[in-house]
Amino acid sequence: MIGRFTVGLAVGISSMIVPVYLSEVAPTKIRGVVVTFYVVAISIGQLASSVIALELGRDWRLMLGLGAGPAII
């Protein structure tokens, strides 16, 4: 329970801080494009994850294994 709370808090904080950081370090001319690309990439990732979960029949063990693949490589 404490782990889930900690991870949720970290994800929430990072979802607020990363766009601000990106807007600060990006050149002025492309600042909006960089932040927009970040938000769109996150949304596409969430959509892809949902579609894959539906195709796999919500098998959490297989989803966890698929997520470990890139980490192992």
C-alpha atoms as a PDB file:
ATOM      1  CA  MET A   1       0.000   0.000   0.000  1.00  0.00           C
ATOM      2  CA  ILE A   2       2.795   2.418   0.858  1.00  0.00           C
ATOM      3  CA  GLY A   3       4.598   1.496  -2.371  1.00  0.00           C
ATOM      4  CA  ARG A   4       1.547   2.250  -4.502  1.00  0.00           C
ATOM      5  CA  PHE A   5       1.095   5.577  -2.745  1.00  0.00           C
ATOM      6  CA  THR A   6       4.752   6.481  -3.271  1.00  0.00           C
ATOM      7  CA  VAL A   7       4.705   5.528  -6.945  1.00  0.00           C
ATOM      8  CA  GLY A   8       1.442   7.407  -7.495  1.00  0.00           C
ATOM      9  CA  LEU A   9       2.849  10.483  -5.825  1.00  0.00           C
ATOM     10  CA  ALA A  10       6.035  10.285  -7.911  1.00  0.00           C
ATOM     11  CA  VAL A  11       4.095   9.899 -11.160  1.00  0.00           C
ATOM     12  CA  GLY A  12       1.844  12.810 -10.264  1.00  0.00           C
ATOM     13  CA  ILE A  13       4.764  15.061  -9.416  1.00  0.00           C
ATOM     14  CA  SER A  14       6.675  14.103 -12.554  1.00  0.00           C
ATOM     15  CA  SER A  15       3.622  14.708 -14.742  1.00  0.00           C
ATOM     16  CA  MET A  16       3.593  18.290 -13.446  1.00  0.00           C
ATOM     17  CA  ILE A  17       7.337  18.950 -13.394  1.00  0.00           C
ATOM     18  CA  VAL A  18       8.477  17.462 -16.728  1.00  0.00           C
ATOM     19  CA  PRO A  19       6.422  19.799 -18.974  1.00  0.00           C
ATOM     20  CA  VAL A  20       7.635  22.790 -16.986  1.00  0.00           C
ATOM     21  CA  TYR A  21      11.247  21.608 -17.262  1.00  0.00           C
ATOM     22  CA  LEU A  22      10.875  20.989 -20.994  1.00  0.00           C
ATOM     23  CA  SER A  23       9.421  24.447 -21.530  1.00  0.00           C
ATOM     24  CA  GLU A  24      12.330  26.001 -19.633  1.00  0.00           C
ATOM     25  CA  VAL A  25      15.124  24.188 -21.503  1.00  0.00           C
ATOM     26  CA  ALA A  26      13.581  24.262 -24.999  1.00  0.00           C
ATOM     27  CA  PRO A  27      14.477  27.083 -27.367  1.00  0.00           C
ATOM     28  CA  THR A  28      11.833  29.801 -27.459  1.00  0.00           C
ATOM     29  CA  LYS A  29      10.804  29.126 -31.065  1.00  0.00           C
ATOM     30  CA  ILE A  30       9.922  25.464 -30.488  1.00  0.00           C
ATOM     31  CA  ARG A  31       8.864  25.535 -26.847  1.00  0.00           C
ATOM     32  CA  GLY A  32       5.205  24.824 -27.533  1.00  0.00           C
ATOM     33  CA  VAL A  33       6.025  22.054 -29.995  1.00  0.00           C
ATOM     34  CA  VAL A  34       8.274  20.288 -27.489  1.00  0.00           C
ATOM     35  CA  VAL A  35       5.713  20.348 -24.679  1.00  0.00           C
ATOM     36  CA  THR A  36       2.880  19.365 -27.027  1.00  0.00           C
ATOM     37  CA  PHE A  37       4.914  16.456 -28.396  1.00  0.00           C
ATOM     38  CA  TYR A  38       5.562  15.257 -24.841  1.00  0.00           C
ATOM     39  CA  VAL A  39       1.868  15.322 -23.918  1.00  0.00           C
ATOM     40  CA  VAL A  40       0.810  13.658 -27.185  1.00  0.00           C
ATOM     41  CA  ALA A  41       3.474  10.939 -26.769  1.00  0.00           C
ATOM     42  CA  ILE A  42       2.202  10.166 -23.258  1.00  0.00           C
ATOM     43  CA  SER A  43      -1.390   9.982 -24.527  1.00  0.00           C
ATOM     44  CA  ILE A  44      -0.451   7.688 -27.420  1.00  0.00           C
ATOM     45  CA  GLY A  45       1.447   5.448 -24.992  1.00  0.00           C
ATOM     46  CA  GLN A  46      -1.576   5.187 -22.726  1.00  0.00           C
ATOM     47  CA  LEU A  47      -3.830   4.387 -25.683  1.00  0.00           C
ATOM     48  CA  ALA A  48      -1.426   1.719 -26.965  1.00  0.00           C
ATOM     49  CA  SER A  49      -1.203   0.178 -23.507  1.00  0.00           C
ATOM     50  CA  SER A  50      -4.990   0.022 -23.235  1.00  0.00           C
ATOM     51  CA  VAL A  51      -5.370  -1.558 -26.667  1.00  0.00           C
ATOM     52  CA  ILE A  52      -2.696  -4.163 -25.908  1.00  0.00           C
ATOM     53  CA  ALA A  53      -4.332  -4.938 -22.555  1.00  0.00           C
ATOM     54  CA  LEU A  54      -7.691  -5.457 -24.248  1.00  0.00           C
ATOM     55  CA  GLU A  55      -6.145  -7.720 -26.882  1.00  0.00           C
ATOM     56  CA  LEU A  56      -4.405  -9.832 -24.239  1.00  0.00           C
ATOM     57  CA  GLY A  57      -7.595 -10.261 -22.250  1.00  0.00           C
ATOM     58  CA  ARG A  58      -6.339  -8.243 -19.282  1.00  0.00           C
ATOM     59  CA  ASP A  59      -3.707 -10.855 -18.378  1.00  0.00           C
ATOM     60  CA  TRP A  60      -1.561  -8.808 -16.007  1.00  0.00           C
ATOM     61  CA  ARG A  61       1.268 -11.356 -15.895  1.00  0.00           C
ATOM     62  CA  LEU A  62       1.735 -11.236 -19.647  1.00  0.00           C
ATOM     63  CA  MET A  63       1.553  -7.423 -19.632  1.00  0.00           C
ATOM     64  CA  LEU A  64       4.216  -7.313 -16.923  1.00  0.00           C
ATOM     65  CA  GLY A  65       6.397  -9.686 -18.921  1.00  0.00           C
ATOM     66  CA  LEU A  66       6.033  -7.613 -22.085  1.00  0.00           C
ATOM     67  CA  GLY A  67       7.056  -4.504 -20.166  1.00  0.00           C
ATOM     68  CA  ALA A  68      10.160  -6.265 -18.856  1.00  0.00           C
ATOM     69  CA  GLY A  69      11.302  -7.133 -22.392  1.00  0.00           C
ATOM     70  CA  PRO A  70      12.797  -3.742 -23.324  1.00  0.00           C
ATOM     71  CA  ALA A  71      14.390  -3.480 -19.882  1.00  0.00           C
ATOM     72  CA  ILE A  72      16.113  -6.835 -20.343  1.00  0.00           C
ATOM     73  CA  ILE A  73      17.381  -5.868 -23.808  1.00  0.00           C
END
